[in-house]
């Protein structure tokens, strides 16, 4: 059986090698994975793929403007408009916002740490409790987004402890604020070691991608 194809954007550290590696490990059982650079962000590249994916990393979401001029940004939105899928994790979820690729209608990607009732209040590597399809998980978090607004046409897959949507599928876009692609070495700090998910969150991410493909 031919696997669906995913192109993952890489531009370290904003869309980091570590995040790309984790996504590849999690998704490769069901998908054919390739990476692409900012110079390959165009319709010619995307025509061979089912999903374009933008991972997380370290940096400010406004660095988007350093990578994606108008034509490159339009190529992403046009790909989705034409029936393609978009998968964004952390930074990649922020970039779906109207300030960047401008693909979200009536939903905004905002800093979770600034939301009322957020259980994390500053930017650092940690885990945060989330409810994913009715199951409780402590998921790796580093200043990820909450997806707030009108969710009448959204499939809300996961929420934060304050009730804000953390992972949604909307208009052929799958957006996740936390890091289900996290790998064991991410949990190297003493306060994180006991929270390593032993690959369980990779299974969640793979299921999320399947759900996106079927949306």
Protein backbone atom coordinates (compact mmCIF):
# COMPACT_ATOMS: atom_id res chain seq x y z
CA UNK A 1 0.00 0.00 0.00
CA UNK A 2 1.30 3.46 -0.89
CA UNK A 3 1.66 5.68 2.16
CA UNK A 4 0.37 9.28 2.12
CA UNK A 5 3.22 11.78 1.79
CA UNK A 6 4.16 14.50 4.29
CA UNK A 7 6.64 17.32 3.66
CA UNK A 8 8.02 18.75 6.94
CA UNK A 9 9.53 22.23 6.98
CA UNK A 10 12.94 22.50 8.62
CA UNK A 11 14.74 25.71 9.56
CA UNK A 12 16.71 25.21 12.77
CA UNK A 13 16.16 26.42 15.49
CA UNK A 14 12.70 27.94 14.81
CA UNK A 15 11.48 24.71 13.23
CA UNK A 16 14.10 22.56 14.82
CA UNK A 17 15.97 19.42 13.90
CA UNK A 18 14.78 17.86 17.17
CA UNK A 19 11.12 18.52 16.41
CA UNK A 20 11.47 17.28 12.83
CA UNK A 21 13.17 14.13 14.11
CA UNK A 22 10.39 13.50 16.62
CA UNK A 23 7.67 14.03 14.03
CA UNK A 24 9.43 11.71 11.61
CA UNK A 25 9.73 8.98 14.23
CA UNK A 26 6.09 9.33 15.24
CA UNK A 27 4.59 9.55 11.75
CA UNK A 28 6.80 7.29 9.62
CA UNK A 29 4.83 4.10 10.42
CA UNK A 30 1.96 5.50 8.38
CA UNK A 31 3.49 8.17 6.16
CA UNK A 32 6.28 8.77 3.68
CA UNK A 33 8.26 11.68 5.19
CA UNK A 34 10.40 14.28 3.40
CA UNK A 35 11.76 17.64 4.61
CA UNK A 36 11.82 20.93 2.72
CA UNK A 37 13.55 24.27 3.24
CA UNK A 38 12.37 27.87 2.95
CA UNK A 39 13.72 27.95 -0.62
CA UNK A 40 11.47 25.01 -1.49
CA UNK A 41 8.28 26.53 -0.09
CA UNK A 42 6.38 26.72 -3.36
CA UNK A 43 3.59 25.08 -5.32
CA UNK A 44 6.02 22.97 -7.34
CA UNK A 45 7.25 21.30 -4.14
CA UNK A 46 3.83 20.85 -2.59
CA UNK A 47 2.14 19.24 -5.58
CA UNK A 48 3.71 15.89 -4.66
CA UNK A 49 2.42 15.82 -1.06
CA UNK A 50 -0.76 15.17 0.89
CA UNK A 51 0.26 17.14 4.00
CA UNK A 52 2.67 20.03 4.56
CA UNK A 53 3.85 20.14 8.17
CA UNK A 54 5.42 22.93 10.19
CA UNK A 55 7.01 21.86 13.50
CA UNK A 56 7.98 23.78 16.60
CA UNK A 57 11.30 24.97 17.90
CA UNK A 58 12.87 27.85 19.77
CA UNK A 59 12.18 31.41 18.73
CA UNK A 60 9.54 34.07 18.19
CA UNK A 61 6.66 33.36 15.82
CA UNK A 62 7.35 36.70 14.12
CA UNK A 63 10.45 35.15 12.52
CA UNK A 64 7.84 33.86 10.04
CA UNK A 65 8.42 37.05 8.05
CA UNK A 66 12.12 36.25 7.67
CA UNK A 67 11.31 32.95 5.93
CA UNK A 68 8.11 33.46 4.02
CA UNK A 69 7.73 36.29 1.57
CA UNK A 70 4.31 36.82 0.01
CA UNK A 71 4.64 34.14 -2.67
CA UNK A 72 5.93 31.50 -0.28
CA UNK A 73 3.19 32.24 2.27
CA UNK A 74 0.55 32.21 -0.47
CA UNK A 75 1.82 28.83 -1.69
CA UNK A 76 0.98 27.28 1.69
CA UNK A 77 -2.50 28.80 1.85
CA UNK A 78 -3.17 27.91 -1.80
CA UNK A 79 -2.12 24.30 -1.15
CA UNK A 80 -4.72 24.01 1.62
CA UNK A 81 -7.39 25.82 -0.41
CA UNK A 82 -6.82 23.32 -3.22
CA UNK A 83 -7.49 20.35 -0.92
CA UNK A 84 -4.13 19.74 0.77
CA UNK A 85 -3.65 19.33 4.51
CA UNK A 86 -1.63 21.45 6.95
CA UNK A 87 -0.16 20.04 10.17
CA UNK A 88 1.24 22.60 12.61
CA UNK A 89 2.81 21.89 16.00
CA UNK A 90 3.65 24.73 18.43
CA UNK A 91 5.37 27.30 16.16
CA UNK A 92 3.66 25.72 13.17
CA UNK A 93 0.27 26.10 14.88
CA UNK A 94 0.95 29.78 15.58
CA UNK A 95 1.78 30.30 11.90
CA UNK A 96 -1.73 29.27 10.78
CA UNK A 97 -3.00 32.43 12.52
CA UNK A 98 -4.27 35.44 10.51
CA UNK A 99 -1.04 37.32 11.36
CA UNK A 100 1.01 34.78 9.39
CA UNK A 101 -0.28 32.28 6.78
CA UNK A 102 -3.79 33.64 7.44
CA UNK A 103 -5.64 30.34 7.16
CA UNK A 104 -7.82 30.37 10.29
CA UNK A 105 -11.36 31.75 10.18
CA UNK A 106 -12.73 33.00 13.51
CA UNK A 107 -9.99 31.23 15.51
CA UNK A 108 -6.76 32.73 16.84
CA UNK A 109 -3.55 31.04 17.95
CA UNK A 110 -2.58 32.85 21.17
CA UNK A 111 -0.02 32.23 23.91
CA UNK A 112 -1.48 29.76 26.37
CA UNK A 113 0.68 31.14 29.18
CA UNK A 114 -1.25 34.44 28.95
CA UNK A 115 -4.70 32.86 28.97
CA UNK A 116 -7.01 33.09 32.01
CA UNK A 117 -6.63 30.02 34.20
CA UNK A 118 -3.46 28.76 32.45
CA UNK A 119 -1.47 26.40 34.66
CA UNK A 120 1.86 27.53 33.09
CA UNK A 121 2.75 31.22 33.34
CA UNK A 122 6.22 31.52 31.81
CA UNK A 123 8.17 30.19 28.87
CA UNK A 124 10.25 27.11 29.74
CA UNK A 125 10.41 23.38 29.04
CA UNK A 126 7.77 21.63 31.10
CA UNK A 127 4.74 19.36 30.85
CA UNK A 128 1.14 20.46 31.13
CA UNK A 129 -1.99 18.40 31.75
CA UNK A 130 -4.21 18.00 28.70
CA UNK A 131 -7.33 16.02 27.88
CA UNK A 132 -6.84 14.23 24.54
CA UNK A 133 -10.00 12.52 23.25
CA UNK A 134 -11.22 12.07 26.80
CA UNK A 135 -7.93 10.72 28.19
CA UNK A 136 -5.63 12.59 30.57
CA UNK A 137 -1.98 13.14 29.61
CA UNK A 138 0.94 15.27 30.81
CA UNK A 139 2.31 16.55 27.51
CA UNK A 140 5.59 18.35 26.76
CA UNK A 141 5.04 22.11 26.49
CA UNK A 142 7.21 25.07 25.58
CA UNK A 143 5.21 28.31 25.19
CA UNK A 144 2.68 26.70 22.88
CA UNK A 145 -0.57 28.22 21.69
CA UNK A 146 -4.17 27.94 22.72
CA UNK A 147 -6.63 27.98 19.83
CA UNK A 148 -9.45 30.28 20.86
CA UNK A 149 -12.52 31.53 19.03
CA UNK A 150 -15.48 30.08 17.16
CA UNK A 151 -15.18 26.29 17.08
CA UNK A 152 -18.55 25.51 15.55
CA UNK A 153 -16.74 23.95 12.57
CA UNK A 154 -13.75 22.56 14.50
CA UNK A 155 -12.97 19.04 15.63
CA UNK A 156 -11.53 19.69 19.09
CA UNK A 157 -9.17 16.80 19.80
CA UNK A 158 -7.51 18.06 22.99
CA UNK A 159 -7.90 20.79 25.59
CA UNK A 160 -5.71 22.38 28.25
CA UNK A 161 -6.62 22.22 31.94
CA UNK A 162 -8.39 25.61 31.70
CA UNK A 163 -10.61 24.32 28.88
CA UNK A 164 -8.90 26.15 26.02
CA UNK A 165 -8.54 24.03 22.86
CA UNK A 166 -4.99 22.68 22.54
CA UNK A 167 -5.37 20.52 19.41
CA UNK A 168 -7.96 21.03 16.69
CA UNK A 169 -8.73 20.02 13.13
CA UNK A 170 -10.40 22.75 11.10
CA UNK A 171 -10.66 23.34 7.35
CA UNK A 172 -8.08 20.61 6.56
CA UNK A 173 -5.67 22.03 9.14
CA UNK A 174 -4.47 20.09 12.17
CA UNK A 175 -3.02 22.35 14.86
CA UNK A 176 -1.40 21.30 18.15
CA UNK A 177 -0.04 23.61 20.87
CA UNK A 178 1.97 21.02 22.82
CA UNK A 179 4.66 18.58 21.62
CA UNK A 180 3.38 15.02 21.20
CA UNK A 181 6.44 14.37 19.00
CA UNK A 182 8.77 14.82 21.99
CA UNK A 183 11.50 12.20 22.41
CA UNK A 184 13.08 10.76 25.53
CA UNK A 185 16.13 13.06 25.55
CA UNK A 186 13.79 16.07 25.81
CA UNK A 187 13.02 14.89 29.36
CA UNK A 188 16.59 15.19 30.62
CA UNK A 189 15.87 17.64 33.45
CA UNK A 190 15.16 16.08 36.87
CA UNK A 191 11.66 17.55 37.04
CA UNK A 192 10.81 16.06 33.63
CA UNK A 193 12.29 12.55 33.78
CA UNK A 194 9.23 10.89 35.30
CA UNK A 195 6.97 12.34 32.58
CA UNK A 196 8.55 10.57 29.58
CA UNK A 197 5.58 9.10 27.71
CA UNK A 198 7.44 6.02 26.36
CA UNK A 199 6.17 6.66 22.85
CA UNK A 200 2.50 6.93 23.79
CA UNK A 201 2.27 10.50 22.56
CA UNK A 202 3.81 9.48 19.23
CA UNK A 203 0.84 7.15 18.82
CA UNK A 204 -1.49 10.07 19.57
CA UNK A 205 0.24 12.19 16.91
CA UNK A 206 -0.01 9.41 14.34
CA UNK A 207 -3.71 9.07 15.07
CA UNK A 208 -4.10 12.85 14.79
CA UNK A 209 -2.49 12.82 11.34
CA UNK A 210 -4.83 10.02 10.26
CA UNK A 211 -7.77 12.03 11.55
CA UNK A 212 -6.53 15.03 9.58
CA UNK A 213 -6.18 12.97 6.40
CA UNK A 214 -9.77 11.79 6.81
CA UNK A 215 -11.16 15.26 7.54
